[in-house]
């Protein structure tokens, strides 16, 4: 249908920048009533060695945050969060392949 003969390279879902990927951060606890804030996400990511973050976008319902990072740093961040027992109890991170995954 699309005349593609290979899988497209990953890229930012926010800006289509081929040098970056989009990271999605959410809380594991569905009972948490407080919305996620950009400051909270930035502090979490920096504590895990992400380096400087660009603009952090919060979904309308406050349940998730999305932002772009270079692919290597994004993969390292997701891995560091999974390995950190204390932080991974409260937080979940992923590198979604499409925007629909972010909004589900």
C-alpha atoms as a PDB file:
ATOM      1  CA  UNK A   1       0.000   0.000   0.000  1.00  0.00           C
ATOM      2  CA  UNK A   2       2.672   2.509   0.932  1.00  0.00           C
ATOM      3  CA  UNK A   3       5.384   1.309  -1.482  1.00  0.00           C
ATOM      4  CA  UNK A   4       7.779   0.988   1.468  1.00  0.00           C
ATOM      5  CA  UNK A   5      10.274  -1.838   1.132  1.00  0.00           C
ATOM      6  CA  UNK A   6      11.780  -1.436   4.613  1.00  0.00           C
ATOM      7  CA  UNK A   7      10.795  -0.381   8.107  1.00  0.00           C
ATOM      8  CA  UNK A   8      11.039   3.404   8.512  1.00  0.00           C
ATOM      9  CA  UNK A   9      13.680   4.658  10.934  1.00  0.00           C
ATOM     10  CA  UNK A  10      12.476   5.771  14.332  1.00  0.00           C
ATOM     11  CA  UNK A  11      11.902   9.478  14.789  1.00  0.00           C
ATOM     12  CA  UNK A  12      10.261  11.961  17.101  1.00  0.00           C
ATOM     13  CA  UNK A  13       6.493  11.624  17.173  1.00  0.00           C
ATOM     14  CA  UNK A  14       6.266  15.271  18.220  1.00  0.00           C
ATOM     15  CA  UNK A  15       8.497  16.945  15.623  1.00  0.00           C
ATOM     16  CA  UNK A  16       9.462  14.150  13.154  1.00  0.00           C
ATOM     17  CA  UNK A  17      13.143  14.844  13.947  1.00  0.00           C
ATOM     18  CA  UNK A  18      15.016  11.685  12.815  1.00  0.00           C
ATOM     19  CA  UNK A  19      17.732  12.267  15.442  1.00  0.00           C
ATOM     20  CA  UNK A  20      15.280  11.989  18.344  1.00  0.00           C
ATOM     21  CA  UNK A  21      12.567   9.714  19.695  1.00  0.00           C
ATOM     22  CA  UNK A  22       9.593  10.507  21.884  1.00  0.00           C
ATOM     23  CA  UNK A  23       9.529   9.256  25.471  1.00  0.00           C
ATOM     24  CA  UNK A  24       6.278   8.800  27.392  1.00  0.00           C
ATOM     25  CA  UNK A  25       6.285   8.863  31.216  1.00  0.00           C
ATOM     26  CA  UNK A  26       3.306   7.941  33.390  1.00  0.00           C
ATOM     27  CA  UNK A  27       2.574   6.936  36.959  1.00  0.00           C
ATOM     28  CA  UNK A  28       2.007   3.258  37.716  1.00  0.00           C
ATOM     29  CA  UNK A  29      -0.543   4.063  40.391  1.00  0.00           C
ATOM     30  CA  UNK A  30      -3.943   4.647  38.754  1.00  0.00           C
ATOM     31  CA  UNK A  31      -5.310   5.886  42.079  1.00  0.00           C
ATOM     32  CA  UNK A  32      -2.959   8.865  42.123  1.00  0.00           C
ATOM     33  CA  UNK A  33      -5.208  11.897  41.710  1.00  0.00           C
ATOM     34  CA  UNK A  34      -2.532  14.544  41.234  1.00  0.00           C
ATOM     35  CA  UNK A  35      -1.588  15.444  37.650  1.00  0.00           C
ATOM     36  CA  UNK A  36       1.982  14.982  36.513  1.00  0.00           C
ATOM     37  CA  UNK A  37       3.894  18.266  36.214  1.00  0.00           C
ATOM     38  CA  UNK A  38       6.766  19.125  33.851  1.00  0.00           C
ATOM     39  CA  UNK A  39       8.973  19.943  36.857  1.00  0.00           C
ATOM     40  CA  UNK A  40       8.290  16.542  38.392  1.00  0.00           C
ATOM     41  CA  UNK A  41       9.141  14.761  35.128  1.00  0.00           C
ATOM     42  CA  UNK A  42      12.306  16.806  34.629  1.00  0.00           C
ATOM     43  CA  UNK A  43      13.514  16.053  38.172  1.00  0.00           C
ATOM     44  CA  UNK A  44      12.767  12.331  37.748  1.00  0.00           C
ATOM     45  CA  UNK A  45      14.589  12.111  34.423  1.00  0.00           C
ATOM     46  CA  UNK A  46      17.602  14.118  35.548  1.00  0.00           C
ATOM     47  CA  UNK A  47      17.921  11.934  38.666  1.00  0.00           C
ATOM     48  CA  UNK A  48      18.206   8.968  36.291  1.00  0.00           C
ATOM     49  CA  UNK A  49      20.935  10.620  34.194  1.00  0.00           C
ATOM     50  CA  UNK A  50      18.906  11.810  31.215  1.00  0.00           C
ATOM     51  CA  UNK A  51      20.753  15.075  30.840  1.00  0.00           C
ATOM     52  CA  UNK A  52      18.931  18.193  29.727  1.00  0.00           C
ATOM     53  CA  UNK A  53      15.322  17.770  28.606  1.00  0.00           C
ATOM     54  CA  UNK A  54      13.582  19.912  26.051  1.00  0.00           C
ATOM     55  CA  UNK A  55       9.943  20.893  26.357  1.00  0.00           C
ATOM     56  CA  UNK A  56       7.825  18.448  28.365  1.00  0.00           C
ATOM     57  CA  UNK A  57       4.205  18.154  27.221  1.00  0.00           C
ATOM     58  CA  UNK A  58       1.500  16.971  29.630  1.00  0.00           C
ATOM     59  CA  UNK A  59      -1.598  15.246  28.236  1.00  0.00           C
ATOM     60  CA  UNK A  60      -4.888  17.048  28.881  1.00  0.00           C
ATOM     61  CA  UNK A  61      -5.912  14.665  31.664  1.00  0.00           C
ATOM     62  CA  UNK A  62      -2.518  15.012  33.389  1.00  0.00           C
ATOM     63  CA  UNK A  63      -1.824  11.275  33.373  1.00  0.00           C
ATOM     64  CA  UNK A  64       1.177  11.217  31.017  1.00  0.00           C
ATOM     65  CA  UNK A  65       4.069  13.370  29.918  1.00  0.00           C
ATOM     66  CA  UNK A  66       5.851  13.212  26.559  1.00  0.00           C
ATOM     67  CA  UNK A  67       9.127  14.738  25.408  1.00  0.00           C
ATOM     68  CA  UNK A  68      11.908  14.134  22.907  1.00  0.00           C
ATOM     69  CA  UNK A  69      15.436  12.910  23.542  1.00  0.00           C
ATOM     70  CA  UNK A  70      18.201  11.597  21.301  1.00  0.00           C
ATOM     71  CA  UNK A  71      17.585   7.859  20.805  1.00  0.00           C
ATOM     72  CA  UNK A  72      20.561   6.664  22.883  1.00  0.00           C
ATOM     73  CA  UNK A  73      19.700   8.857  25.856  1.00  0.00           C
ATOM     74  CA  UNK A  74      16.030   7.877  25.615  1.00  0.00           C
ATOM     75  CA  UNK A  75      16.838   4.160  25.653  1.00  0.00           C
ATOM     76  CA  UNK A  76      19.207   4.659  28.595  1.00  0.00           C
ATOM     77  CA  UNK A  77      16.525   6.596  30.515  1.00  0.00           C
ATOM     78  CA  UNK A  78      13.902   3.869  30.009  1.00  0.00           C
ATOM     79  CA  UNK A  79      16.434   1.223  31.065  1.00  0.00           C
ATOM     80  CA  UNK A  80      17.556   3.191  34.148  1.00  0.00           C
ATOM     81  CA  UNK A  81      13.965   3.635  35.310  1.00  0.00           C
ATOM     82  CA  UNK A  82      13.245  -0.091  34.893  1.00  0.00           C
ATOM     83  CA  UNK A  83      16.354  -0.961  36.923  1.00  0.00           C
ATOM     84  CA  UNK A  84      15.599   1.502  39.740  1.00  0.00           C
ATOM     85  CA  UNK A  85      13.349  -0.474  42.121  1.00  0.00           C
ATOM     86  CA  UNK A  86      12.132   2.511  44.110  1.00  0.00           C
ATOM     87  CA  UNK A  87      11.321   4.747  41.136  1.00  0.00           C
ATOM     88  CA  UNK A  88       9.835   1.983  38.971  1.00  0.00           C
ATOM     89  CA  UNK A  89       7.183   1.284  41.621  1.00  0.00           C
ATOM     90  CA  UNK A  90       5.694   4.720  40.971  1.00  0.00           C
ATOM     91  CA  UNK A  91       6.735   5.505  37.381  1.00  0.00           C
ATOM     92  CA  UNK A  92       6.598   3.847  33.964  1.00  0.00           C
ATOM     93  CA  UNK A  93       8.428   4.973  30.829  1.00  0.00           C
ATOM     94  CA  UNK A  94       8.361   3.824  27.232  1.00  0.00           C
ATOM     95  CA  UNK A  95       9.345   4.837  23.737  1.00  0.00           C
ATOM     96  CA  UNK A  96       6.082   4.563  21.785  1.00  0.00           C
ATOM     97  CA  UNK A  97       6.073   3.704  18.071  1.00  0.00           C
ATOM     98  CA  UNK A  98       2.998   5.781  17.302  1.00  0.00           C
ATOM     99  CA  UNK A  99       0.974   8.588  18.831  1.00  0.00           C
ATOM    100  CA  UNK A 100      -2.042   6.341  19.406  1.00  0.00           C
ATOM    101  CA  UNK A 101      -0.055   4.477  22.074  1.00  0.00           C
ATOM    102  CA  UNK A 102       0.473   7.718  23.975  1.00  0.00           C
ATOM    103  CA  UNK A 103      -3.237   8.514  24.129  1.00  0.00           C
ATOM    104  CA  UNK A 104      -4.449   5.038  25.105  1.00  0.00           C
END
